[in-house]
C-alpha atoms as a PDB file:
ATOM      1  CA  MET A   1     161.819 146.162  -0.148  1.00  0.00           C
ATOM      2  CA  LYS A   2     159.643 148.919   1.301  1.00  0.00           C
ATOM      3  CA  LYS A   3     160.901 151.330  -1.350  1.00  0.00           C
ATOM      4  CA  LEU A   4     159.958 148.858  -4.083  1.00  0.00           C
ATOM      5  CA  ILE A   5     156.466 148.440  -2.667  1.00  0.00           C
ATOM      6  CA  ILE A   6     155.992 152.214  -2.442  1.00  0.00           C
ATOM      7  CA  LEU A   7     157.217 152.617  -6.041  1.00  0.00           C
ATOM      8  CA  LEU A   8     154.793 149.958  -7.276  1.00  0.00           C
ATOM      9  CA  MET A   9     151.917 151.658  -5.469  1.00  0.00           C
ATOM     10  CA  ILE A  10     152.767 155.023  -7.060  1.00  0.00           C
ATOM     11  CA  VAL A  11     152.936 153.442 -10.525  1.00  0.00           C
ATOM     12  CA  SER A  12     149.602 151.684  -9.926  1.00  0.00           C
ATOM     13  CA  LEU A  13     147.907 154.936  -8.924  1.00  0.00           C
ATOM     14  CA  ILE A  14     149.226 156.732 -11.993  1.00  0.00           C
ATOM     15  CA  PHE A  15     148.100 153.893 -14.294  1.00  0.00           C
ATOM     16  CA  MET A  16     144.640 153.773 -12.764  1.00  0.00           C
ATOM     17  CA  SER A  17     144.188 157.535 -13.297  1.00  0.00           C
ATOM     18  CA  ILE A  18     145.064 157.461 -17.000  1.00  0.00           C
ATOM     19  CA  ALA A  19     143.704 154.019 -17.948  1.00  0.00           C
ATOM     20  CA  PRO A  20     140.095 155.137 -18.795  1.00  0.00           C
ATOM     21  CA  ASN A  21     141.356 157.756 -21.240  1.00  0.00           C
ATOM     22  CA  VAL A  22     143.758 155.297 -22.809  1.00  0.00           C
ATOM     23  CA  PHE A  23     141.074 152.672 -23.347  1.00  0.00           C
ATOM     24  CA  ALA A  24     138.647 155.315 -24.621  1.00  0.00           C
ATOM     25  CA  VAL A  25     141.159 156.336 -27.264  1.00  0.00           C
ATOM     26  CA  PHE A  26     141.568 152.764 -28.428  1.00  0.00           C
ATOM     27  CA  SER A  27     137.790 152.091 -28.441  1.00  0.00           C
ATOM     28  CA  ALA A  28     136.750 155.305 -30.254  1.00  0.00           C
ATOM     29  CA  ALA A  29     136.160 155.203 -34.036  1.00  0.00           C
ATOM     30  CA  ASN A  30     137.062 157.999 -36.412  1.00  0.00           C
ATOM     31  CA  ILE A  31     134.236 158.418 -38.919  1.00  0.00           C
ATOM     32  CA  GLY A  32     135.388 159.687 -42.269  1.00  0.00           C
ATOM     33  CA  PRO A  33     134.721 159.275 -45.985  1.00  0.00           C
ATOM     34  CA  THR A  34     136.541 155.933 -46.047  1.00  0.00           C
ATOM     35  CA  THR A  35     134.671 154.455 -43.086  1.00  0.00           C
ATOM     36  CA  ASP A  36     131.804 152.065 -43.832  1.00  0.00           C
ATOM     37  CA  LEU A  37     129.000 152.086 -41.265  1.00  0.00           C
ATOM     38  CA  ASP A  38     126.105 149.659 -41.339  1.00  0.00           C
ATOM     39  CA  GLY A  39     122.835 150.543 -39.676  1.00  0.00           C
ATOM     40  CA  ASP A  40     121.930 153.754 -37.885  1.00  0.00           C
ATOM     41  CA  VAL A  41     124.363 156.131 -36.225  1.00  0.00           C
ATOM     42  CA  ASN A  42     123.185 156.611 -32.645  1.00  0.00           C
ATOM     43  CA  ILE A  43     123.869 159.875 -30.819  1.00  0.00           C
ATOM     44  CA  PRO A  44     123.762 159.710 -26.996  1.00  0.00           C
ATOM     45  CA  ASP A  45     121.484 162.128 -25.194  1.00  0.00           C
ATOM     46  CA  GLY A  46     123.090 165.482 -24.624  1.00  0.00           C
ATOM     47  CA  LYS A  47     125.638 164.914 -27.379  1.00  0.00           C
ATOM     48  CA  SER A  48     125.883 166.507 -30.797  1.00  0.00           C
ATOM     49  CA  TYR A  49     127.081 165.011 -34.058  1.00  0.00           C
ATOM     50  CA  TYR A  50     128.149 167.167 -36.978  1.00  0.00           C
ATOM     51  CA  ILE A  51     128.855 166.136 -40.556  1.00  0.00           C
ATOM     52  CA  ASN A  52     131.366 168.299 -42.331  1.00  0.00           C
ATOM     53  CA  LYS A  53     130.081 169.879 -45.541  1.00  0.00           C
ATOM     54  CA  VAL A  54     132.976 168.283 -47.391  1.00  0.00           C
ATOM     55  CA  LEU A  55     131.716 164.866 -46.340  1.00  0.00           C
ATOM     56  CA  LEU A  56     128.205 165.682 -47.559  1.00  0.00           C
ATOM     57  CA  SER A  57     129.551 166.693 -50.972  1.00  0.00           C
ATOM     58  CA  ILE A  58     131.281 163.353 -51.541  1.00  0.00           C
ATOM     59  CA  ASP A  59     129.667 161.147 -54.185  1.00  0.00           C
ATOM     60  CA  MET A  60     128.112 157.818 -53.289  1.00  0.00           C
ATOM     61  CA  ILE A  61     126.993 158.888 -49.816  1.00  0.00           C
ATOM     62  CA  THR A  62     123.501 157.535 -49.127  1.00  0.00           C
ATOM     63  CA  THR A  63     121.165 159.977 -47.421  1.00  0.00           C
ATOM     64  CA  GLU A  64     117.736 158.621 -48.404  1.00  0.00           C
ATOM     65  CA  ASP A  65     116.915 156.943 -45.084  1.00  0.00           C
ATOM     66  CA  LEU A  66     118.337 159.897 -43.205  1.00  0.00           C
ATOM     67  CA  ILE A  67     116.062 162.329 -45.055  1.00  0.00           C
ATOM     68  CA  VAL A  68     112.952 160.160 -44.732  1.00  0.00           C
ATOM     69  CA  LYS A  69     113.357 159.723 -40.975  1.00  0.00           C
ATOM     70  CA  ALA A  70     114.597 163.215 -40.172  1.00  0.00           C
ATOM     71  CA  ASP A  71     112.569 165.531 -37.974  1.00  0.00           C
ATOM     72  CA  PHE A  72     113.251 169.027 -39.268  1.00  0.00           C
ATOM     73  CA  ALA A  73     112.933 171.888 -36.825  1.00  0.00           C
ATOM     74  CA  ASP A  74     110.411 174.584 -37.727  1.00  0.00           C
ATOM     75  CA  GLU A  75     112.361 177.245 -39.550  1.00  0.00           C
ATOM     76  CA  ASP A  76     111.862 179.992 -42.135  1.00  0.00           C
ATOM     77  CA  TRP A  77     114.747 180.339 -44.576  1.00  0.00           C
ATOM     78  CA  GLY A  78     112.990 182.888 -46.775  1.00  0.00           C
ATOM     79  CA  ASP A  79     112.056 181.022 -49.939  1.00  0.00           C
ATOM     80  CA  LEU A  80     111.945 177.727 -48.023  1.00  0.00           C
ATOM     81  CA  SER A  81     110.071 177.207 -44.759  1.00  0.00           C
ATOM     82  CA  VAL A  82     109.437 174.172 -42.546  1.00  0.00           C
ATOM     83  CA  VAL A  83     106.388 173.934 -40.277  1.00  0.00           C
ATOM     84  CA  SER A  84     105.592 170.656 -38.468  1.00  0.00           C
ATOM     85  CA  ASN A  85     107.803 168.669 -40.862  1.00  0.00           C
ATOM     86  CA  GLU A  86     105.992 170.212 -43.852  1.00  0.00           C
ATOM     87  CA  VAL A  87     108.297 171.898 -46.347  1.00  0.00           C
ATOM     88  CA  THR A  88     106.887 174.864 -48.284  1.00  0.00           C
ATOM     89  CA  ILE A  89     108.576 176.503 -51.276  1.00  0.00           C
ATOM     90  CA  ASP A  90     107.605 180.079 -52.067  1.00  0.00           C
ATOM     91  CA  GLU A  91     105.670 180.689 -55.269  1.00  0.00           C
ATOM     92  CA  ASP A  92     108.314 182.929 -56.820  1.00  0.00           C
ATOM     93  CA  VAL A  93     110.863 180.135 -56.474  1.00  0.00           C
ATOM     94  CA  ILE A  94     108.591 177.636 -58.225  1.00  0.00           C
ATOM     95  CA  ASP A  95     107.862 180.100 -61.053  1.00  0.00           C
ATOM     96  CA  LYS A  96     111.577 180.634 -61.672  1.00  0.00           C
ATOM     97  CA  ALA A  97     112.695 177.056 -61.078  1.00  0.00           C
ATOM     98  CA  ASN A  98     114.845 175.414 -63.728  1.00  0.00           C
ATOM     99  CA  PHE A  99     114.148 171.701 -63.812  1.00  0.00           C
ATOM    100  CA  LYS A 100     116.954 169.397 -64.826  1.00  0.00           C
ATOM    101  CA  ASP A 101     116.348 167.445 -68.041  1.00  0.00           C
ATOM    102  CA  GLU A 102     115.294 163.981 -66.946  1.00  0.00           C
ATOM    103  CA  ASP A 103     113.160 161.031 -68.082  1.00  0.00           C
ATOM    104  CA  TRP A 104     111.109 159.533 -65.267  1.00  0.00           C
ATOM    105  CA  GLY A 105     109.147 157.183 -67.504  1.00  0.00           C
ATOM    106  CA  GLU A 106     105.681 158.680 -67.717  1.00  0.00           C
ATOM    107  CA  LEU A 107     106.996 162.196 -67.045  1.00  0.00           C
ATOM    108  CA  THR A 108     109.791 163.819 -69.037  1.00  0.00           C
ATOM    109  CA  VAL A 109     111.478 167.190 -68.536  1.00  0.00           C
ATOM    110  CA  ALA A 110     113.402 168.655 -71.467  1.00  0.00           C
ATOM    111  CA  THR A 111     114.559 172.293 -71.491  1.00  0.00           C
ATOM    112  CA  ASN A 112     112.159 173.129 -68.662  1.00  0.00           C
ATOM    113  CA  GLU A 113     109.221 171.676 -70.623  1.00  0.00           C
ATOM    114  CA  VAL A 114     107.255 168.938 -68.855  1.00  0.00           C
ATOM    115  CA  THR A 115     105.765 166.216 -71.078  1.00  0.00           C
ATOM    116  CA  ILE A 116     103.303 163.515 -69.965  1.00  0.00           C
ATOM    117  CA  ASN A 117     103.273 160.294 -71.963  1.00  0.00           C
ATOM    118  CA  ASN A 118     100.268 159.446 -74.140  1.00  0.00           C
ATOM    119  CA  ASP A 119      99.243 156.360 -72.180  1.00  0.00           C
ATOM    120  CA  VAL A 120      98.846 158.469 -69.058  1.00  0.00           C
ATOM    121  CA  ILE A 121      96.597 160.986 -70.810  1.00  0.00           C
ATOM    122  CA  GLY A 122      94.659 158.244 -72.624  1.00  0.00           C
ATOM    123  CA  ALA A 123      91.075 157.172 -72.097  1.00  0.00           C
ATOM    124  CA  GLU A 124      91.928 154.809 -69.273  1.00  0.00           C
ATOM    125  CA  HIS A 125      93.405 157.602 -67.197  1.00  0.00           C
ATOM    126  CA  PHE A 126      92.643 161.326 -67.404  1.00  0.00           C
ATOM    127  CA  ALA A 127      89.923 161.232 -70.061  1.00  0.00           C
ATOM    128  CA  THR A 128      87.476 159.268 -67.903  1.00  0.00           C
ATOM    129  CA  GLN A 129      88.080 161.155 -64.692  1.00  0.00           C
ATOM    130  CA  ASP A 130      85.598 163.462 -62.980  1.00  0.00           C
ATOM    131  CA  TRP A 131      87.433 166.753 -62.461  1.00  0.00           C
ATOM    132  CA  GLY A 132      84.551 168.323 -60.506  1.00  0.00           C
ATOM    133  CA  ASP A 133      82.747 171.544 -61.341  1.00  0.00           C
ATOM    134  CA  VAL A 134      83.923 174.294 -63.657  1.00  0.00           C
ATOM    135  CA  ASN A 135      83.212 177.488 -61.733  1.00  0.00           C
ATOM    136  CA  ILE A 136      82.732 180.787 -63.586  1.00  0.00           C
ATOM    137  CA  ASN A 137      82.254 183.904 -61.478  1.00  0.00           C
ATOM    138  CA  ALA A 138      80.235 186.992 -62.385  1.00  0.00           C
ATOM    139  CA  GLU A 139      83.160 188.569 -64.237  1.00  0.00           C
ATOM    140  CA  GLY A 140      83.750 185.417 -66.262  1.00  0.00           C
ATOM    141  CA  VAL A 141      87.396 185.011 -65.234  1.00  0.00           C
ATOM    142  CA  ALA A 142      87.280 181.263 -65.912  1.00  0.00           C
ATOM    143  CA  GLU A 143      86.601 180.511 -69.574  1.00  0.00           C
ATOM    144  CA  VAL A 144      85.256 177.160 -70.754  1.00  0.00           C
ATOM    145  CA  GLN A 145      87.115 176.536 -73.997  1.00  0.00           C
ATOM    146  CA  ASP A 146      85.477 173.260 -75.012  1.00  0.00           C
ATOM    147  CA  LEU A 147      82.483 171.576 -73.356  1.00  0.00           C
ATOM    148  CA  THR A 148      81.666 168.140 -74.767  1.00  0.00           C
ATOM    149  CA  ILE A 149      78.336 166.415 -74.055  1.00  0.00           C
ATOM    150  CA  ALA A 150      77.759 162.759 -74.929  1.00  0.00           C
ATOM    151  CA  ASP A 151      76.040 162.218 -78.321  1.00  0.00           C
ATOM    152  CA  GLU A 152      75.839 165.945 -79.054  1.00  0.00           C
ATOM    153  CA  ALA A 153      74.680 167.086 -82.499  1.00  0.00           C
ATOM    154  CA  GLN A 154      74.242 170.352 -84.361  1.00  0.00           C
ATOM    155  CA  GLY A 155      71.079 172.147 -83.280  1.00  0.00           C
ATOM    156  CA  ASP A 156      70.928 170.616 -79.791  1.00  0.00           C
ATOM    157  CA  ILE A 157      70.083 172.837 -76.823  1.00  0.00           C
ATOM    158  CA  LEU A 158      72.027 172.693 -73.541  1.00  0.00           C
ATOM    159  CA  TYR A 159      70.187 173.808 -70.407  1.00  0.00           C
ATOM    160  CA  ARG A 160      70.725 173.605 -66.682  1.00  0.00           C
ATOM    161  CA  GLY A 161      68.641 170.995 -64.885  1.00  0.00           C
ATOM    162  CA  ALA A 162      68.084 170.492 -61.171  1.00  0.00           C
ATOM    163  CA  ALA A 163      71.289 168.487 -60.726  1.00  0.00           C
ATOM    164  CA  GLY A 164      73.415 169.229 -63.786  1.00  0.00           C
ATOM    165  CA  TRP A 165      73.587 170.141 -67.459  1.00  0.00           C
ATOM    166  CA  ILE A 166      71.124 168.404 -69.816  1.00  0.00           C
ATOM    167  CA  ARG A 167      71.189 168.128 -73.601  1.00  0.00           C
ATOM    168  CA  LEU A 168      67.857 168.642 -75.395  1.00  0.00           C
ATOM    169  CA  ALA A 169      68.025 167.005 -78.810  1.00  0.00           C
ATOM    170  CA  LYS A 170      66.979 169.162 -81.732  1.00  0.00           C
ATOM    171  CA  ASP A 171      63.511 168.965 -83.275  1.00  0.00           C
ATOM    172  CA  VAL A 172      61.976 170.218 -86.523  1.00  0.00           C
ATOM    173  CA  GLY A 173      59.237 172.815 -86.937  1.00  0.00           C
ATOM    174  CA  LYS A 174      58.616 173.354 -83.224  1.00  0.00           C
ATOM    175  CA  TYR A 175      59.150 176.131 -80.725  1.00  0.00           C
ATOM    176  CA  LEU A 176      61.196 175.972 -77.533  1.00  0.00           C
ATOM    177  CA  LYS A 177      58.879 176.003 -74.540  1.00  0.00           C
ATOM    178  CA  SER A 178      60.670 177.626 -71.616  1.00  0.00           C
ATOM    179  CA  GLY A 179      60.392 176.597 -67.975  1.00  0.00           C
ATOM    180  CA  ASP A 180      62.247 174.600 -65.343  1.00  0.00           C
ATOM    181  CA  THR A 181      62.464 171.786 -67.894  1.00  0.00           C
ATOM    182  CA  PRO A 182      62.532 173.295 -71.408  1.00  0.00           C
ATOM    183  CA  SER A 183      60.992 171.227 -74.197  1.00  0.00           C
ATOM    184  CA  TRP A 184      59.930 171.407 -77.814  1.00  0.00           C
ATOM    185  CA  ASP A 185      56.249 172.245 -78.359  1.00  0.00           C
ATOM    186  CA  THR A 186      53.728 173.474 -80.914  1.00  0.00           C
ATOM    187  CA  PRO A 187      51.595 176.305 -79.461  1.00  0.00           C
ATOM    188  CA  ALA A 188      47.876 176.397 -80.205  1.00  0.00           C
ATOM    189  CA  GLY A 189      47.162 178.303 -83.425  1.00  0.00           C
ATOM    190  CA  ALA A 190      50.701 177.985 -84.702  1.00  0.00           C
ATOM    191  CA  GLY A 191      51.317 177.210 -88.349  1.00  0.00           C
ATOM    192  CA  ASP A 192      50.490 178.751 -91.731  1.00  0.00           C
ATOM    193  CA  ILE A 193      47.684 181.358 -91.859  1.00  0.00           C
ATOM    194  CA  GLU A 194      44.786 179.962 -93.881  1.00  0.00           C
ATOM    195  CA  ALA A 195      42.133 182.580 -93.133  1.00  0.00           C
ATOM    196  CA  VAL A 196      41.769 185.997 -91.533  1.00  0.00           C
ATOM    197  CA  GLY A 197      38.730 187.198 -89.608  1.00  0.00           C
ATOM    198  CA  ASP A 198      35.549 185.519 -88.435  1.00  0.00           C
ATOM    199  CA  CYS A 199      32.060 186.424 -89.709  1.00  0.00           C
ATOM    200  CA  ILE A 200      28.634 184.885 -89.224  1.00  0.00           C
ATOM    201  CA  SER A 201      28.787 182.449 -92.110  1.00  0.00           C
ATOM    202  CA  GLY A 202      32.531 181.715 -92.062  1.00  0.00           C
ATOM    203  CA  ASP A 203      35.928 183.236 -92.677  1.00  0.00           C
ATOM    204  CA  ALA A 204      35.922 186.802 -93.947  1.00  0.00           C
ATOM    205  CA  LEU A 205      38.893 186.271 -96.267  1.00  0.00           C
ATOM    206  CA  ASP A 206      38.884 182.800 -97.726  1.00  0.00           C
ATOM    207  CA  GLY A 207      40.691 181.678-100.848  1.00  0.00           C
ATOM    208  CA  THR A 208      40.079 177.947-100.672  1.00  0.00           C
ATOM    209  CA  ASP A 209      36.458 177.434-101.799  1.00  0.00           C
ATOM    210  CA  ASP A 210      35.726 176.435-105.413  1.00  0.00           C
ATOM    211  CA  GLY A 211      39.416 175.721-106.015  1.00  0.00           C
ATOM    212  CA  GLY A 212      40.214 179.342-106.873  1.00  0.00           C
ATOM    213  CA  THR A 213      42.193 182.162-105.378  1.00  0.00           C
ATOM    214  CA  TRP A 214      39.606 184.713-104.457  1.00  0.00           C
ATOM    215  CA  ILE A 215      38.287 186.856-101.616  1.00  0.00           C
ATOM    216  CA  LYS A 216      34.774 186.648-100.213  1.00  0.00           C
ATOM    217  CA  LEU A 217      33.408 189.596 -98.220  1.00  0.00           C
ATOM    218  CA  TYR A 218      30.433 189.081 -95.913  1.00  0.00           C
ATOM    219  CA  ASP A 219      28.008 191.567 -94.495  1.00  0.00           C
ATOM    220  CA  GLY A 220      25.991 191.279 -91.316  1.00  0.00           C
ATOM    221  CA  ASP A 221      23.169 189.417 -93.112  1.00  0.00           C
ATOM    222  CA  SER A 222      25.512 186.745 -94.449  1.00  0.00           C
ATOM    223  CA  HIS A 223      25.454 188.265 -97.937  1.00  0.00           C
ATOM    224  CA  ASN A 224      28.815 188.250 -99.628  1.00  0.00           C
ATOM    225  CA  VAL A 225      30.695 189.787-102.496  1.00  0.00           C
ATOM    226  CA  GLN A 226      33.346 187.754-104.266  1.00  0.00           C
ATOM    227  CA  ILE A 227      36.461 189.239-105.809  1.00  0.00           C
ATOM    228  CA  ILE A 228      37.933 186.753-108.264  1.00  0.00           C
ATOM    229  CA  PRO A 229      41.137 187.707-110.140  1.00  0.00           C
ATOM    230  CA  THR A 230      41.507 186.115-113.574  1.00  0.00           C
ATOM    231  CA  ASN A 231      44.555 186.310-115.846  1.00  0.00           C
ATOM    232  CA  ILE A 232      46.047 189.342-114.086  1.00  0.00           C
ATOM    233  CA  ALA A 233      49.074 190.534-116.035  1.00  0.00           C
ATOM    234  CA  ALA A 234      49.905 193.426-113.711  1.00  0.00           C
ATOM    235  CA  ASN A 235      48.939 194.919-110.386  1.00  0.00           C
ATOM    236  CA  ARG A 236      45.381 196.261-110.255  1.00  0.00           C
ATOM    237  CA  VAL A 237      43.585 198.500-107.746  1.00  0.00           C
ATOM    238  CA  ILE A 238      39.844 198.101-107.079  1.00  0.00           C
ATOM    239  CA  THR A 239      38.198 200.932-105.182  1.00  0.00           C
ATOM    240  CA  LEU A 240      34.896 200.094-103.501  1.00  0.00           C
ATOM    241  CA  PRO A 241      32.279 202.851-103.310  1.00  0.00           C
ATOM    242  CA  ASP A 242      31.341 204.422-100.032  1.00  0.00           C
ATOM    243  CA  SER A 243      28.456 202.545 -98.414  1.00  0.00           C
ATOM    244  CA  ASP A 244      26.695 205.886 -97.829  1.00  0.00           C
END
């Protein structure tokens, strides 16, 4: 009887020492391509979980939530760098990138050419937007190809006002008066020349009196000499004698 009791005690001790490992084996789950998991996969503190690259290459694996929630460690992989969860792609990679042909609705890529649909570019979208200032430096690196002003017409003048560009509508027969606010104006004395000179009794050269085309010369005493051409068939020269 004592031997039986001792044997049972030995068996009990052996069972108790291996039982946790046995139950752990039965409770553990092997995660593989055929295993369906709902919800998040929790990793205990101090533990690591690795996904084999073969598993990641299998079709139909959903990684969207994983990518959205992931906290990427700051790292520089050359053309790709991560700083504070911000991913930066080097410029030379973007310049050489080959985009897959795809139709995303408003945006289409075909043979590396990106096309935006007409309704996106239409008046209700881009055309009515304020794109800010067009800056041109001293060397003129930026070139304005086409500047459209509302209600523009041929002959209009565009000038810079205090707060922006202003269109000055064209006018007829006037001069442009410069200044902070340019305008059309008629300067004093502008127009056709009707007379030349100014003597005591009137204009020195006047061809309007008596309805004829003639020249009247005045002296200091208001006496005048009239030169009246009549039926001139060719050029003529009249030489006045010396007053002495």
